[in-house]
Protein backbone atom coordinates (compact mmCIF):
# COMPACT_ATOMS: atom_id res chain seq x y z
CA UNK A 1 5.09 -80.80 -39.77
CA UNK A 2 1.68 -80.39 -38.15
CA UNK A 3 -1.40 -78.94 -39.84
CA UNK A 4 -5.06 -78.40 -39.01
CA UNK A 5 -6.95 -80.32 -41.68
CA UNK A 6 -10.52 -80.74 -42.80
CA UNK A 7 -10.55 -84.54 -43.09
CA UNK A 8 -13.78 -85.39 -44.89
CA UNK A 9 -17.31 -84.18 -45.60
CA UNK A 10 -18.63 -85.08 -42.15
CA UNK A 11 -19.70 -82.02 -40.17
CA UNK A 12 -16.86 -80.65 -38.03
CA UNK A 13 -14.48 -83.42 -39.11
CA UNK A 14 -11.16 -81.63 -38.69
CA UNK A 15 -8.12 -82.19 -36.51
CA UNK A 16 -4.39 -81.68 -36.08
CA UNK A 17 -2.45 -84.08 -38.31
CA UNK A 18 1.16 -84.75 -39.21
CA UNK A 19 1.75 -84.05 -42.91
CA UNK A 20 4.76 -83.86 -45.17
CA UNK A 21 6.52 -80.53 -45.45
CA UNK A 22 5.77 -79.07 -48.91
CA UNK A 23 8.42 -78.14 -51.46
CA UNK A 24 7.98 -75.06 -53.65
CA UNK A 25 7.54 -75.70 -57.36
CA UNK A 26 8.28 -73.37 -60.24
CA UNK A 27 7.01 -69.87 -59.51
CA UNK A 28 6.28 -70.71 -55.87
CA UNK A 29 7.74 -69.79 -52.50
CA UNK A 30 7.76 -71.76 -49.28
CA UNK A 31 6.63 -69.82 -46.23
CA UNK A 32 7.31 -70.51 -42.58
CA UNK A 33 3.91 -69.55 -41.21
CA UNK A 34 3.97 -67.27 -38.20
CA UNK A 35 0.24 -66.75 -37.73
CA UNK A 36 -3.04 -67.68 -39.37
CA UNK A 37 -6.44 -66.25 -38.48
CA UNK A 38 -9.61 -68.31 -38.15
CA UNK A 39 -12.12 -66.81 -40.56
CA UNK A 40 -15.90 -67.13 -40.67
CA UNK A 41 -15.51 -69.03 -43.93
CA UNK A 42 -13.20 -71.47 -42.12
CA UNK A 43 -16.01 -72.06 -39.63
CA UNK A 44 -18.48 -72.68 -42.48
CA UNK A 45 -16.02 -75.10 -44.07
CA UNK A 46 -15.40 -76.79 -40.72
CA UNK A 47 -19.16 -77.33 -40.36
CA UNK A 48 -19.58 -78.34 -44.03
CA UNK A 49 -22.31 -75.70 -44.37
CA UNK A 50 -24.21 -75.22 -47.65
CA UNK A 51 -22.13 -73.37 -50.24
CA UNK A 52 -18.94 -75.28 -49.43
CA UNK A 53 -19.66 -78.38 -51.46
CA UNK A 54 -16.80 -77.52 -53.82
CA UNK A 55 -14.31 -78.17 -51.02
CA UNK A 56 -12.55 -81.49 -51.49
CA UNK A 57 -10.98 -82.71 -48.23
CA UNK A 58 -8.54 -83.65 -46.93
CA UNK A 59 -7.25 -80.10 -47.10
CA UNK A 60 -5.37 -77.89 -44.67
CA UNK A 61 -7.50 -74.87 -43.74
CA UNK A 62 -6.45 -71.24 -43.42
CA UNK A 63 -6.01 -68.17 -45.61
CA UNK A 64 -5.39 -65.19 -43.26
CA UNK A 65 -1.66 -65.60 -43.10
CA UNK A 66 1.60 -63.89 -42.32
CA UNK A 67 4.88 -65.73 -42.76
CA UNK A 68 8.52 -65.63 -43.74
CA UNK A 69 10.00 -66.91 -47.00
CA UNK A 70 12.31 -69.85 -46.35
CA UNK A 71 12.76 -71.23 -49.90
CA UNK A 72 12.28 -70.06 -53.49
CA UNK A 73 11.04 -72.23 -56.31
CA UNK A 74 12.52 -72.24 -59.81
CA UNK A 75 12.14 -68.95 -61.67
CA UNK A 76 11.11 -66.85 -58.66
CA UNK A 77 12.69 -63.40 -58.74
CA UNK A 78 12.29 -60.26 -56.71
CA UNK A 79 12.03 -62.11 -53.38
CA UNK A 80 14.57 -63.20 -50.80
CA UNK A 81 14.61 -65.79 -48.05
CA UNK A 82 13.95 -64.22 -44.67
CA UNK A 83 11.49 -61.71 -46.14
CA UNK A 84 8.20 -61.28 -44.21
CA UNK A 85 5.06 -61.38 -46.33
CA UNK A 86 1.27 -61.49 -46.19
CA UNK A 87 -0.77 -63.86 -48.36
CA UNK A 88 -3.43 -62.76 -50.84
CA UNK A 89 -6.21 -65.21 -49.99
CA UNK A 90 -8.54 -65.04 -53.01
CA UNK A 91 -6.39 -65.70 -56.03
CA UNK A 92 -7.46 -64.98 -59.58
CA UNK A 93 -5.96 -66.30 -62.79
CA UNK A 94 -4.37 -62.87 -63.52
CA UNK A 95 -5.38 -63.18 -67.20
CA UNK A 96 -9.18 -62.80 -67.51
CA UNK A 97 -11.03 -59.46 -67.89
CA UNK A 98 -12.01 -59.41 -64.20
CA UNK A 99 -8.42 -59.89 -63.08
CA UNK A 100 -7.11 -57.34 -65.57
CA UNK A 101 -9.50 -54.70 -64.21
CA UNK A 102 -8.35 -55.43 -60.65
CA UNK A 103 -11.31 -57.55 -59.52
CA UNK A 104 -9.63 -60.92 -59.09
CA UNK A 105 -12.16 -61.80 -56.38
CA UNK A 106 -14.69 -62.14 -59.23
CA UNK A 107 -12.45 -64.28 -61.44
CA UNK A 108 -14.36 -67.34 -62.65
CA UNK A 109 -11.21 -69.41 -62.14
CA UNK A 110 -10.33 -68.00 -58.72
CA UNK A 111 -9.05 -70.22 -55.96
CA UNK A 112 -9.01 -69.58 -52.22
CA UNK A 113 -6.02 -70.94 -50.35
CA UNK A 114 -7.19 -73.21 -47.55
CA UNK A 115 -10.39 -74.06 -49.43
CA UNK A 116 -9.32 -75.19 -52.89
CA UNK A 117 -5.82 -76.28 -51.89
CA UNK A 118 -3.73 -76.66 -48.74
CA UNK A 119 -3.66 -73.50 -46.68
CA UNK A 120 -1.87 -71.77 -43.87
CA UNK A 121 -2.96 -73.53 -40.66
CA UNK A 122 0.34 -75.37 -40.77
CA UNK A 123 3.97 -74.82 -39.97
CA UNK A 124 4.80 -74.35 -43.66
CA UNK A 125 2.80 -73.53 -46.79
CA UNK A 126 3.74 -73.17 -50.45
CA UNK A 127 2.16 -70.48 -52.58
CA UNK A 128 2.68 -68.82 -55.94
CA UNK A 129 4.93 -65.79 -55.57
CA UNK A 130 2.44 -63.59 -57.45
CA UNK A 131 -0.01 -64.01 -54.55
CA UNK A 132 2.10 -62.52 -51.73
CA UNK A 133 2.89 -58.96 -50.65
CA UNK A 134 5.92 -57.68 -48.72
CA UNK A 135 5.10 -56.85 -45.12
CA UNK A 136 6.23 -53.44 -43.82
CA UNK A 137 8.73 -53.54 -40.96
CA UNK A 138 6.25 -51.71 -38.74
CA UNK A 139 3.72 -54.59 -38.86
CA UNK A 140 4.71 -57.79 -37.09
CA UNK A 141 4.40 -61.01 -39.01
CA UNK A 142 2.00 -62.29 -36.33
CA UNK A 143 -0.28 -59.26 -36.79
CA UNK A 144 -0.34 -59.84 -40.55
CA UNK A 145 -3.18 -62.31 -39.93
CA UNK A 146 -5.60 -59.37 -39.55
CA UNK A 147 -4.74 -57.83 -42.93
CA UNK A 148 -6.96 -60.06 -45.09
CA UNK A 149 -10.15 -59.49 -43.05
CA UNK A 150 -9.33 -55.78 -42.99
CA UNK A 151 -9.25 -55.79 -46.81
CA UNK A 152 -12.72 -57.38 -46.81
CA UNK A 153 -14.01 -54.47 -44.72
CA UNK A 154 -12.31 -51.88 -46.92
CA UNK A 155 -13.85 -53.39 -50.03
CA UNK A 156 -17.29 -53.54 -48.41
CA UNK A 157 -17.35 -50.00 -47.03
CA UNK A 158 -15.30 -48.07 -49.59
CA UNK A 159 -16.13 -49.87 -52.84
CA UNK A 160 -19.53 -51.49 -52.31
CA UNK A 161 -21.32 -48.97 -50.05
CA UNK A 162 -22.23 -45.29 -50.19
CA UNK A 163 -21.23 -43.83 -46.84
CA UNK A 164 -20.59 -40.15 -46.26
CA UNK A 165 -19.56 -37.92 -43.32
CA UNK A 166 -22.48 -37.42 -40.97
CA UNK A 167 -24.35 -40.55 -42.09
CA UNK A 168 -25.85 -42.89 -39.54
CA UNK A 169 -24.57 -46.37 -40.32
CA UNK A 170 -25.76 -49.54 -38.63
CA UNK A 171 -23.48 -52.55 -38.73
CA UNK A 172 -25.39 -55.76 -38.08
CA UNK A 173 -23.11 -58.39 -36.56
CA UNK A 174 -20.23 -57.67 -34.15
CA UNK A 175 -17.90 -60.35 -35.52
CA UNK A 176 -14.49 -59.43 -36.92
CA UNK A 177 -15.78 -58.32 -40.35
CA UNK A 178 -18.57 -56.28 -38.80
CA UNK A 179 -16.17 -54.69 -36.33
CA UNK A 180 -13.67 -53.80 -39.04
CA UNK A 181 -16.47 -52.45 -41.26
CA UNK A 182 -17.56 -50.27 -38.34
CA UNK A 183 -14.01 -48.98 -37.90
CA UNK A 184 -13.69 -48.13 -41.61
CA UNK A 185 -17.13 -46.46 -41.71
CA UNK A 186 -16.12 -44.33 -38.72
CA UNK A 187 -12.93 -43.33 -40.53
CA UNK A 188 -15.19 -42.03 -43.32
CA UNK A 189 -16.90 -39.71 -40.85
CA UNK A 190 -20.06 -41.69 -40.16
CA UNK A 191 -21.81 -42.19 -36.84
CA UNK A 192 -21.73 -45.96 -36.43
CA UNK A 193 -23.93 -48.20 -34.30
CA UNK A 194 -23.27 -51.95 -33.99
CA UNK A 195 -26.06 -54.44 -33.38
CA UNK A 196 -25.81 -58.01 -32.17
CA UNK A 197 -27.80 -60.81 -30.62
CA UNK A 198 -28.11 -61.20 -26.84
CA UNK A 199 -25.36 -63.84 -27.02
CA UNK A 200 -22.98 -61.16 -28.34
CA UNK A 201 -23.42 -58.87 -25.33
CA UNK A 202 -20.78 -60.28 -22.99
CA UNK A 203 -17.80 -60.40 -25.36
CA UNK A 204 -18.30 -58.86 -28.77
CA UNK A 205 -20.61 -55.94 -28.05
CA UNK A 206 -18.65 -55.20 -24.88
CA UNK A 207 -15.46 -55.00 -26.95
CA UNK A 208 -17.22 -52.72 -29.47
CA UNK A 209 -18.07 -50.35 -26.64
CA UNK A 210 -14.46 -50.26 -25.46
CA UNK A 211 -13.58 -49.13 -29.00
CA UNK A 212 -16.04 -46.27 -28.68
CA UNK A 213 -19.03 -47.63 -30.61
CA UNK A 214 -22.68 -47.36 -29.65
CA UNK A 215 -24.24 -50.82 -29.46
CA UNK A 216 -27.75 -52.23 -29.67
CA UNK A 217 -29.00 -55.71 -28.77
CA UNK A 218 -31.37 -57.02 -31.45
CA UNK A 219 -34.37 -58.91 -30.10
CA UNK A 220 -38.09 -59.20 -30.80
CA UNK A 221 -38.52 -55.42 -30.62
CA UNK A 222 -38.17 -53.69 -34.02
CA UNK A 223 -34.59 -52.51 -34.47
CA UNK A 224 -35.75 -49.11 -35.67
CA UNK A 225 -37.33 -48.45 -32.26
CA UNK A 226 -33.85 -48.62 -30.70
CA UNK A 227 -32.15 -46.20 -33.11
CA UNK A 228 -32.10 -42.39 -32.99
CA UNK A 229 -33.41 -42.26 -36.56
CA UNK A 230 -33.56 -44.35 -39.69
CA UNK A 231 -30.00 -45.13 -40.77
CA UNK A 232 -28.65 -44.00 -44.11
CA UNK A 233 -26.84 -47.29 -44.61
CA UNK A 234 -26.79 -50.74 -43.08
CA UNK A 235 -24.02 -53.30 -43.42
CA UNK A 236 -25.17 -56.86 -42.82
CA UNK A 237 -22.21 -58.82 -41.46
CA UNK A 238 -23.94 -61.26 -39.14
CA UNK A 239 -25.08 -64.03 -41.48
CA UNK A 240 -28.41 -64.06 -39.62
CA UNK A 241 -31.55 -64.39 -41.71
CA UNK A 242 -33.43 -62.57 -38.93
CA UNK A 243 -31.07 -59.60 -39.12
CA UNK A 244 -31.19 -59.50 -42.89
CA UNK A 245 -34.98 -59.62 -42.87
CA UNK A 246 -35.12 -56.65 -40.49
CA UNK A 247 -32.85 -54.53 -42.68
CA UNK A 248 -35.54 -53.63 -45.22
CA UNK A 249 -37.73 -52.14 -42.49
CA UNK A 250 -34.86 -50.23 -40.90
CA UNK A 251 -33.01 -48.22 -43.57
CA UNK A 252 -34.40 -44.85 -44.61
CA UNK A 253 -36.07 -44.45 -48.03
CA UNK A 254 -33.34 -44.06 -50.62
CA UNK A 255 -30.76 -45.62 -48.32
CA UNK A 256 -28.52 -48.60 -48.89
CA UNK A 257 -27.93 -52.11 -47.61
CA UNK A 258 -24.62 -53.88 -48.19
CA UNK A 259 -24.45 -57.61 -47.53
CA UNK A 260 -20.98 -58.92 -46.72
CA UNK A 261 -21.93 -61.95 -44.59
CA UNK A 262 -22.11 -65.55 -45.76
CA UNK A 263 -25.24 -67.53 -44.91
CA UNK A 264 -25.69 -71.16 -43.93
CA UNK A 265 -29.25 -71.37 -45.29
CA UNK A 266 -31.49 -69.60 -47.83
CA UNK A 267 -33.04 -66.28 -46.84
CA UNK A 268 -36.40 -64.85 -47.92
CA UNK A 269 -37.25 -61.14 -48.19
CA UNK A 270 -40.52 -59.31 -48.78
CA UNK A 271 -39.11 -57.35 -51.68
CA UNK A 272 -41.99 -54.88 -51.99
CA UNK A 273 -40.74 -53.13 -48.86
CA UNK A 274 -37.44 -52.40 -50.56
CA UNK A 275 -39.13 -51.42 -53.83
CA UNK A 276 -41.41 -48.90 -52.14
CA UNK A 277 -38.44 -47.32 -50.36
CA UNK A 278 -36.15 -47.39 -53.41
CA UNK A 279 -33.42 -49.06 -51.39
CA UNK A 280 -30.10 -49.89 -52.97
CA UNK A 281 -28.96 -53.42 -52.12
CA UNK A 282 -25.41 -54.46 -52.86
CA UNK A 283 -23.35 -57.54 -52.13
CA UNK A 284 -19.66 -57.47 -51.25
CA UNK A 285 -17.26 -60.37 -51.67
CA UNK A 286 -13.57 -60.63 -51.03
CA UNK A 287 -11.05 -57.94 -51.90
CA UNK A 288 -8.44 -57.05 -54.49
CA UNK A 289 -4.71 -56.42 -54.45
CA UNK A 290 -4.86 -52.62 -54.01
CA UNK A 291 -6.88 -53.10 -50.82
CA UNK A 292 -4.01 -55.07 -49.27
CA UNK A 293 -1.74 -52.08 -49.83
CA UNK A 294 -4.40 -49.72 -48.45
CA UNK A 295 -4.88 -51.91 -45.38
CA UNK A 296 -1.19 -52.02 -44.59
CA UNK A 297 -0.91 -48.26 -45.05
CA UNK A 298 -3.73 -47.59 -42.56
CA UNK A 299 -2.24 -50.05 -40.07
CA UNK A 300 1.17 -48.39 -40.37
CA UNK A 301 -0.48 -45.02 -39.75
CA UNK A 302 -2.06 -46.30 -36.54
CA UNK A 303 -5.61 -45.77 -37.84
CA UNK A 304 -6.88 -49.23 -36.95
CA UNK A 305 -7.15 -50.38 -33.30
CA UNK A 306 -6.69 -54.03 -34.19
CA UNK A 307 -4.67 -55.34 -31.24
CA UNK A 308 -7.70 -55.73 -28.89
CA UNK A 309 -9.44 -57.81 -31.55
CA UNK A 310 -6.87 -60.63 -31.58
CA UNK A 311 -6.85 -63.75 -29.40
CA UNK A 312 -3.85 -66.04 -29.86
CA UNK A 313 -3.85 -69.85 -29.73
CA UNK A 314 -1.00 -72.29 -30.39
CA UNK A 315 -1.50 -74.17 -33.67
CA UNK A 316 -1.77 -77.40 -31.66
CA UNK A 317 -4.92 -75.95 -30.02
CA UNK A 318 -6.62 -75.11 -33.32
CA UNK A 319 -9.71 -77.14 -32.51
CA UNK A 320 -10.24 -75.15 -29.31
CA UNK A 321 -9.91 -71.92 -31.30
CA UNK A 322 -12.62 -73.11 -33.71
CA UNK A 323 -14.95 -74.21 -30.92
CA UNK A 324 -14.46 -70.92 -29.06
CA UNK A 325 -15.18 -68.98 -32.24
CA UNK A 326 -18.35 -70.98 -32.88
CA UNK A 327 -19.42 -70.26 -29.30
CA UNK A 328 -18.65 -66.53 -29.85
CA UNK A 329 -16.13 -66.49 -27.02
CA UNK A 330 -13.62 -64.48 -29.02
CA UNK A 331 -13.39 -61.89 -31.76
CA UNK A 332 -10.53 -63.01 -33.98
CA UNK A 333 -8.74 -66.22 -33.03
CA UNK A 334 -5.24 -66.36 -34.47
CA UNK A 335 -3.18 -69.55 -34.58
CA UNK A 336 0.53 -69.13 -33.86
CA UNK A 337 3.08 -71.70 -34.99
CA UNK A 338 5.73 -70.72 -32.45
């Protein structure tokens, strides 16, 4: 079978390779992958950015996956071949206190498929049966690739932020996580404005406007000068140190900043600004199993306009998908195996 693999620690050393088809072990299932999204963390791993030193290539990338069960390992019950599923990307041990309270994304022994072991940018992938969810008939197995990033947005907005009807919320960064955070914040009754760099104007901010969002281009002018008032909350989803630095001067006193982006270099803040405004700063990472069920429920109900966000590429053109994503030519590249 073919797979898109990170080959070594050299920056951007990844390519399509022929690899052996895996066989499911005890407690595992073998999936025929239908679609796998290219995530921002995949791009960081592809570039060997700081914070990804734990990755030990060669490893097949990919964790935003929908597929069909084609084989069951020993001892697997409750599943059938031919069943469509979505993969839980961040996988806890299921035994520690964090996992038992439903926060497996904080498990000290967690593993991310496609980072710690071979992932879903391949024709087939094996995975423990406890880390998959049945896919409703109303969601295509190709569209299942958007579920994992949607859970990230749900966790960020609903669990890690304080957003109420009538709030003004600024989402910094019009990538897929920022866009989905904006959609979820709007569902909560907030007025949402999305900011991006000048390079985002042609594709990403334009798409945000087609979805009904107000947009702002961030430049040398203070962001606050371009807003109707100080926002109640700001979600930082860009990974830009410039954008993060501006957040402290933008949010109203007593407001909140939630950081969901990953950064390729250290960031410095003048903390006294936040202290004097009594800002609440939270970080958001990953998602938990209930958020997968919530995401699928909202998609089934037609609450999420996700179709315009997807751009499909054949698996054999994975490198082009990565390069286009790095050049911000798309919103959510999705690799299709057929």
